[in-house]
Protein backbone atom coordinates (compact mmCIF):
# COMPACT_ATOMS: atom_id res chain seq x y z
CA UNK A 1 -117.55 15.52 91.20
CA UNK A 2 -119.11 14.42 87.93
CA UNK A 3 -117.51 12.28 85.26
CA UNK A 4 -117.42 15.41 83.10
CA UNK A 5 -114.73 16.97 85.27
CA UNK A 6 -111.39 17.68 83.69
CA UNK A 7 -107.84 17.79 84.92
CA UNK A 8 -107.22 19.43 88.27
CA UNK A 9 -104.35 21.83 88.84
CA UNK A 10 -103.74 23.00 92.38
CA UNK A 11 -101.65 25.96 93.45
CA UNK A 12 -101.22 28.15 96.54
CA UNK A 13 -104.56 28.52 98.30
CA UNK A 14 -105.37 29.77 101.78
CA UNK A 15 -108.34 28.40 103.72
CA UNK A 16 -111.18 30.85 104.24
CA UNK A 17 -112.43 31.42 107.78
CA UNK A 18 -115.90 32.21 109.01
CA UNK A 19 -117.64 32.61 112.35
CA UNK A 20 -120.37 30.12 113.23
CA UNK A 21 -122.09 30.03 116.63
CA UNK A 22 -119.24 31.88 118.26
CA UNK A 23 -116.57 29.55 116.87
CA UNK A 24 -114.03 30.27 114.20
CA UNK A 25 -114.09 27.46 111.65
CA UNK A 26 -112.42 27.01 108.31
CA UNK A 27 -114.66 26.79 105.26
CA UNK A 28 -113.58 23.20 104.63
CA UNK A 29 -114.48 22.24 108.22
CA UNK A 30 -117.95 23.62 107.68
CA UNK A 31 -118.29 21.88 104.34
CA UNK A 32 -119.11 25.26 102.83
CA UNK A 33 -116.14 25.67 100.53
CA UNK A 34 -117.45 27.53 97.51
CA UNK A 35 -115.85 28.57 94.26
CA UNK A 36 -115.73 30.99 91.34
CA UNK A 37 -116.62 29.54 87.93
CA UNK A 38 -115.45 31.10 84.67
CA UNK A 39 -116.79 30.15 81.25
CA UNK A 40 -114.04 29.96 78.63
CA UNK A 41 -114.55 30.07 74.86
CA UNK A 42 -111.07 30.87 73.54
CA UNK A 43 -111.66 34.53 72.67
CA UNK A 44 -109.48 37.43 73.81
CA UNK A 45 -112.43 38.60 75.93
CA UNK A 46 -112.49 35.15 77.52
CA UNK A 47 -108.85 35.55 78.59
CA UNK A 48 -109.80 38.78 80.35
CA UNK A 49 -112.70 37.00 82.05
CA UNK A 50 -110.21 34.38 83.33
CA UNK A 51 -108.04 37.16 84.81
CA UNK A 52 -111.02 38.85 86.48
CA UNK A 53 -112.30 35.50 87.78
CA UNK A 54 -108.87 34.66 89.22
CA UNK A 55 -108.80 38.03 90.98
CA UNK A 56 -112.27 37.36 92.42
CA UNK A 57 -111.22 33.87 93.52
CA UNK A 58 -108.16 35.25 95.32
CA UNK A 59 -110.28 37.95 96.97
CA UNK A 60 -112.85 35.38 98.10
CA UNK A 61 -110.18 32.80 99.00
CA UNK A 62 -112.04 30.35 96.79
CA UNK A 63 -110.99 27.88 94.11
CA UNK A 64 -111.33 28.93 90.47
CA UNK A 65 -113.02 26.50 88.09
CA UNK A 66 -112.47 27.19 84.38
CA UNK A 67 -115.09 25.50 82.18
CA UNK A 68 -114.76 24.92 78.44
CA UNK A 69 -117.56 23.10 76.63
CA UNK A 70 -117.17 21.41 73.26
CA UNK A 71 -119.83 19.87 71.05
CA UNK A 72 -118.76 16.24 71.39
CA UNK A 73 -120.53 15.50 68.13
CA UNK A 74 -118.91 13.87 65.15
CA UNK A 75 -120.41 14.75 61.81
CA UNK A 76 -119.65 12.00 59.31
CA UNK A 77 -120.70 13.84 56.16
CA UNK A 78 -118.98 17.18 56.66
CA UNK A 79 -116.78 18.55 55.37
CA UNK A 80 -117.29 16.65 52.15
CA UNK A 81 -113.72 17.18 50.97
CA UNK A 82 -112.22 15.64 54.12
CA UNK A 83 -111.57 11.88 54.01
CA UNK A 84 -113.46 9.89 56.62
CA UNK A 85 -110.20 8.56 58.04
CA UNK A 86 -109.07 12.08 59.01
CA UNK A 87 -112.18 12.94 61.02
CA UNK A 88 -111.50 13.23 64.74
CA UNK A 89 -113.08 11.06 67.38
CA UNK A 90 -114.74 12.24 70.58
CA UNK A 91 -111.48 11.51 72.40
CA UNK A 92 -109.58 13.65 69.92
CA UNK A 93 -112.01 16.52 70.44
CA UNK A 94 -111.74 16.22 74.20
CA UNK A 95 -107.94 16.11 74.06
CA UNK A 96 -107.83 19.18 71.85
CA UNK A 97 -110.26 21.01 74.15
CA UNK A 98 -108.20 20.11 77.24
CA UNK A 99 -105.05 21.40 75.58
CA UNK A 100 -106.82 24.57 74.47
CA UNK A 101 -108.18 25.27 77.97
CA UNK A 102 -104.82 24.63 79.63
CA UNK A 103 -103.10 26.98 77.13
CA UNK A 104 -105.75 29.72 77.50
CA UNK A 105 -105.56 29.70 81.29
CA UNK A 106 -101.76 29.70 81.20
CA UNK A 107 -101.74 32.64 78.75
CA UNK A 108 -104.33 34.57 80.75
CA UNK A 109 -102.79 34.12 84.21
CA UNK A 110 -99.10 33.80 83.36
CA UNK A 111 -96.97 33.92 86.49
CA UNK A 112 -100.06 34.57 88.65
CA UNK A 113 -101.44 31.05 88.06
CA UNK A 114 -99.87 29.83 91.29
CA UNK A 115 -101.83 32.39 93.32
CA UNK A 116 -105.14 30.56 93.02
CA UNK A 117 -106.34 26.98 93.36
CA UNK A 118 -107.37 26.07 89.84
CA UNK A 119 -109.51 23.32 88.38
CA UNK A 120 -109.91 22.88 84.63
CA UNK A 121 -113.13 21.27 83.39
CA UNK A 122 -113.60 20.24 79.79
CA UNK A 123 -117.10 18.98 79.15
CA UNK A 124 -119.10 17.85 76.14
CA UNK A 125 -122.38 19.66 75.74
CA UNK A 126 -124.04 23.03 75.43
CA UNK A 127 -121.87 25.74 77.00
CA UNK A 128 -124.55 27.50 79.04
CA UNK A 129 -125.88 24.29 80.53
CA UNK A 130 -122.40 23.03 81.37
CA UNK A 131 -121.46 26.30 83.09
CA UNK A 132 -124.65 26.18 85.18
CA UNK A 133 -124.06 22.52 86.09
CA UNK A 134 -120.46 23.26 87.11
CA UNK A 135 -121.63 26.21 89.23
CA UNK A 136 -124.25 24.09 91.00
CA UNK A 137 -121.85 21.20 91.64
CA UNK A 138 -119.18 23.55 92.98
CA UNK A 139 -121.63 25.69 94.97
CA UNK A 140 -120.24 28.71 93.15
CA UNK A 141 -120.24 32.13 94.77
CA UNK A 142 -119.87 33.77 91.37
CA UNK A 143 -119.93 32.96 87.66
CA UNK A 144 -117.73 35.08 85.38
CA UNK A 145 -118.32 35.33 81.61
CA UNK A 146 -116.96 37.47 78.80
CA UNK A 147 -119.10 39.45 76.42
CA UNK A 148 -119.22 38.13 72.92
CA UNK A 149 -116.85 39.57 70.37
CA UNK A 150 -119.27 41.70 68.37
CA UNK A 151 -119.81 45.40 68.89
CA UNK A 152 -123.45 44.70 69.73
CA UNK A 153 -124.80 45.78 73.09
CA UNK A 154 -126.76 42.53 73.20
CA UNK A 155 -125.54 39.56 75.18
CA UNK A 156 -124.89 36.26 73.46
CA UNK A 157 -127.08 33.22 73.95
CA UNK A 158 -124.71 31.60 76.48
CA UNK A 159 -124.64 34.75 78.64
CA UNK A 160 -128.41 35.10 78.47
CA UNK A 161 -128.93 31.47 79.42
CA UNK A 162 -126.49 31.67 82.34
CA UNK A 163 -128.03 34.92 83.60
CA UNK A 164 -131.48 33.31 83.65
CA UNK A 165 -130.49 29.98 85.21
CA UNK A 166 -127.55 30.85 87.48
CA UNK A 167 -127.64 29.71 91.11
CA UNK A 168 -125.43 32.69 92.09
CA UNK A 169 -124.47 36.19 90.90
CA UNK A 170 -123.06 36.49 87.37
CA UNK A 171 -120.35 38.97 86.36
CA UNK A 172 -120.20 39.82 82.65
CA UNK A 173 -116.77 41.20 81.75
CA UNK A 174 -116.99 43.74 78.92
CA UNK A 175 -114.55 43.65 76.03
CA UNK A 176 -111.47 45.72 76.78
CA UNK A 177 -111.95 45.55 80.57
CA UNK A 178 -108.97 45.26 82.86
CA UNK A 179 -108.86 43.44 86.20
CA UNK A 180 -108.70 45.59 89.28
């Protein structure tokens, strides 16, 4: 696990089983435990993507990794009206992002949060790159993203980047979709 990993939350999770050379082995015994990664941006569509990703993780008997990226940059000159003493530090940004991710996942999953093994990752950097890195590190079976909020039929830059660079299939959840 990288230093960019966030807080881990574990809940009820059953071990997956697979057949290898005539033997039945658990996924963890094989070292092949994979996951489902969901990119989170705080939008209503993102909450739906979390629900769909959790459903996929339960179906696949795989952990769910929720990834939220934040800029990690501190701009000293902006906004001009804000006193320098009130500007947040990198630690403040990270803390706020961790709280936001925890709240979004809790809101999205509600009482179903205990039905999936869950890891929360808050990372500084460009969202698309961080989602791809998390998927590679976790050997993801699937990446789940939400469409951007506009009425446009075009995908956003994060979705386009992830679709081009993903090491696994990518599911784009349309606005207004429902799990199941």
